[in-house]
């Protein structure tokens, strides 16, 4: 996610780390174990701490020196927007499901 938020390709990051794009893809998709040396290299290239990569909490990324700043902020805005839409859809579905379950409960109570 950090690489994508920066707008960097797998090929670019892999070359800077000194591995193939396929190897980086396997690391990103957890198909390959990540040793500590590789973790440090990746963190250095992405300009974050190794803990930012390992953490399940979102990393705070500084875009100040990145030439792709506008593109990166656009990506974040699109990501947040799509997450908001998904969240709103889930809320709507929740309300519909509650209404459906209430009808079932009413029918069951009416049969008693």
Protein backbone atom coordinates (compact mmCIF):
# COMPACT_ATOMS: atom_id res chain seq x y z
CA UNK A 1 0.00 0.00 0.00
CA UNK A 2 2.83 2.40 0.82
CA UNK A 3 4.38 1.84 -2.61
CA UNK A 4 1.04 2.37 -4.33
CA UNK A 5 0.27 5.52 -2.33
CA UNK A 6 3.58 6.95 -3.51
CA UNK A 7 2.59 6.13 -7.08
CA UNK A 8 5.66 3.94 -7.58
CA UNK A 9 5.61 0.85 -9.77
CA UNK A 10 6.74 -2.56 -8.57
CA UNK A 11 9.42 -2.49 -11.27
CA UNK A 12 10.85 0.80 -10.00
CA UNK A 13 10.89 -0.22 -6.35
CA UNK A 14 12.24 -3.69 -7.11
CA UNK A 15 15.10 -2.20 -9.15
CA UNK A 16 15.98 0.18 -6.32
CA UNK A 17 15.97 -2.71 -3.85
CA UNK A 18 17.99 -4.90 -6.18
CA UNK A 19 15.46 -7.68 -6.80
CA UNK A 20 13.13 -8.62 -9.63
CA UNK A 21 9.59 -7.30 -9.95
CA UNK A 22 8.24 -10.84 -9.56
CA UNK A 23 10.11 -11.23 -6.25
CA UNK A 24 8.66 -7.96 -4.94
CA UNK A 25 5.19 -9.03 -6.03
CA UNK A 26 5.55 -12.25 -4.04
CA UNK A 27 6.69 -10.28 -0.98
CA UNK A 28 3.74 -7.89 -1.28
CA UNK A 29 1.25 -10.76 -1.57
CA UNK A 30 2.84 -12.76 1.29
CA UNK A 31 3.88 -15.60 -1.02
CA UNK A 32 7.51 -15.21 0.12
CA UNK A 33 8.87 -14.82 3.63
CA UNK A 34 10.42 -11.43 4.29
CA UNK A 35 13.74 -11.56 6.15
CA UNK A 36 14.97 -8.66 8.27
CA UNK A 37 17.62 -7.52 5.77
CA UNK A 38 15.08 -7.30 2.96
CA UNK A 39 12.61 -5.57 5.28
CA UNK A 40 15.18 -2.87 6.05
CA UNK A 41 16.01 -2.42 2.34
CA UNK A 42 12.35 -2.05 1.41
CA UNK A 43 11.74 0.39 4.26
CA UNK A 44 14.71 2.52 3.17
CA UNK A 45 13.51 2.65 -0.44
CA UNK A 46 9.94 3.50 0.62
CA UNK A 47 11.29 6.07 3.12
CA UNK A 48 9.39 4.57 6.07
CA UNK A 49 10.41 2.59 9.14
CA UNK A 50 10.38 -1.21 9.04
CA UNK A 51 7.61 -1.09 11.66
CA UNK A 52 5.42 0.88 9.24
CA UNK A 53 5.63 -2.07 6.86
CA UNK A 54 4.91 -4.68 9.52
CA UNK A 55 2.19 -2.74 11.34
CA UNK A 56 -1.48 -3.36 10.70
CA UNK A 57 -2.05 0.32 11.45
CA UNK A 58 -1.95 2.72 8.49
CA UNK A 59 1.38 4.44 7.97
CA UNK A 60 1.65 8.20 7.74
CA UNK A 61 3.46 9.00 4.52
CA UNK A 62 5.31 12.23 3.86
CA UNK A 63 4.85 13.26 0.24
CA UNK A 64 6.83 16.51 0.41
CA UNK A 65 9.84 15.44 -1.63
CA UNK A 66 7.89 13.20 -4.00
CA UNK A 67 7.57 14.47 -7.59
CA UNK A 68 4.29 12.59 -7.89
CA UNK A 69 2.64 14.52 -5.05
CA UNK A 70 -0.47 15.57 -6.95
CA UNK A 71 -0.94 12.06 -8.30
CA UNK A 72 -0.45 10.58 -4.82
CA UNK A 73 -2.94 12.91 -3.18
CA UNK A 74 -5.39 12.13 -5.99
CA UNK A 75 -4.92 8.44 -5.27
CA UNK A 76 -5.58 8.98 -1.55
CA UNK A 77 -8.67 11.09 -2.27
CA UNK A 78 -10.00 8.42 -4.65
CA UNK A 79 -9.25 5.70 -2.10
CA UNK A 80 -10.99 7.59 0.72
CA UNK A 81 -13.92 8.40 -1.57
CA UNK A 82 -14.34 4.77 -2.59
CA UNK A 83 -14.11 3.68 1.04
CA UNK A 84 -16.78 6.23 1.98
CA UNK A 85 -19.08 4.90 -0.74
CA UNK A 86 -18.51 1.33 0.47
CA UNK A 87 -19.19 2.37 4.06
CA UNK A 88 -22.43 4.14 3.06
CA UNK A 89 -23.54 1.08 1.07
CA UNK A 90 -22.83 -1.14 4.08
CA UNK A 91 -24.90 1.17 6.30
CA UNK A 92 -27.78 1.01 3.85
CA UNK A 93 -27.55 -2.77 3.71
CA UNK A 94 -27.49 -2.89 7.50
CA UNK A 95 -30.70 -0.86 7.70
CA UNK A 96 -32.36 -3.08 5.08
CA UNK A 97 -31.29 -6.21 6.95
CA UNK A 98 -32.63 -4.87 10.26
CA UNK A 99 -35.96 -4.09 8.61
CA UNK A 100 -36.10 -7.57 7.08
CA UNK A 101 -35.31 -9.23 10.42
CA UNK A 102 -37.89 -7.08 12.22
CA UNK A 103 -40.57 -8.33 9.79
CA UNK A 104 -39.58 -11.93 10.49
CA UNK A 105 -39.73 -11.33 14.25
CA UNK A 106 -43.16 -9.69 13.90
CA UNK A 107 -44.47 -12.67 11.91
CA UNK A 108 -43.10 -15.11 14.47
CA UNK A 109 -44.65 -13.15 17.36
CA UNK A 110 -47.98 -12.97 15.53
CA UNK A 111 -48.08 -16.78 15.22
CA UNK A 112 -47.94 -17.21 19.00
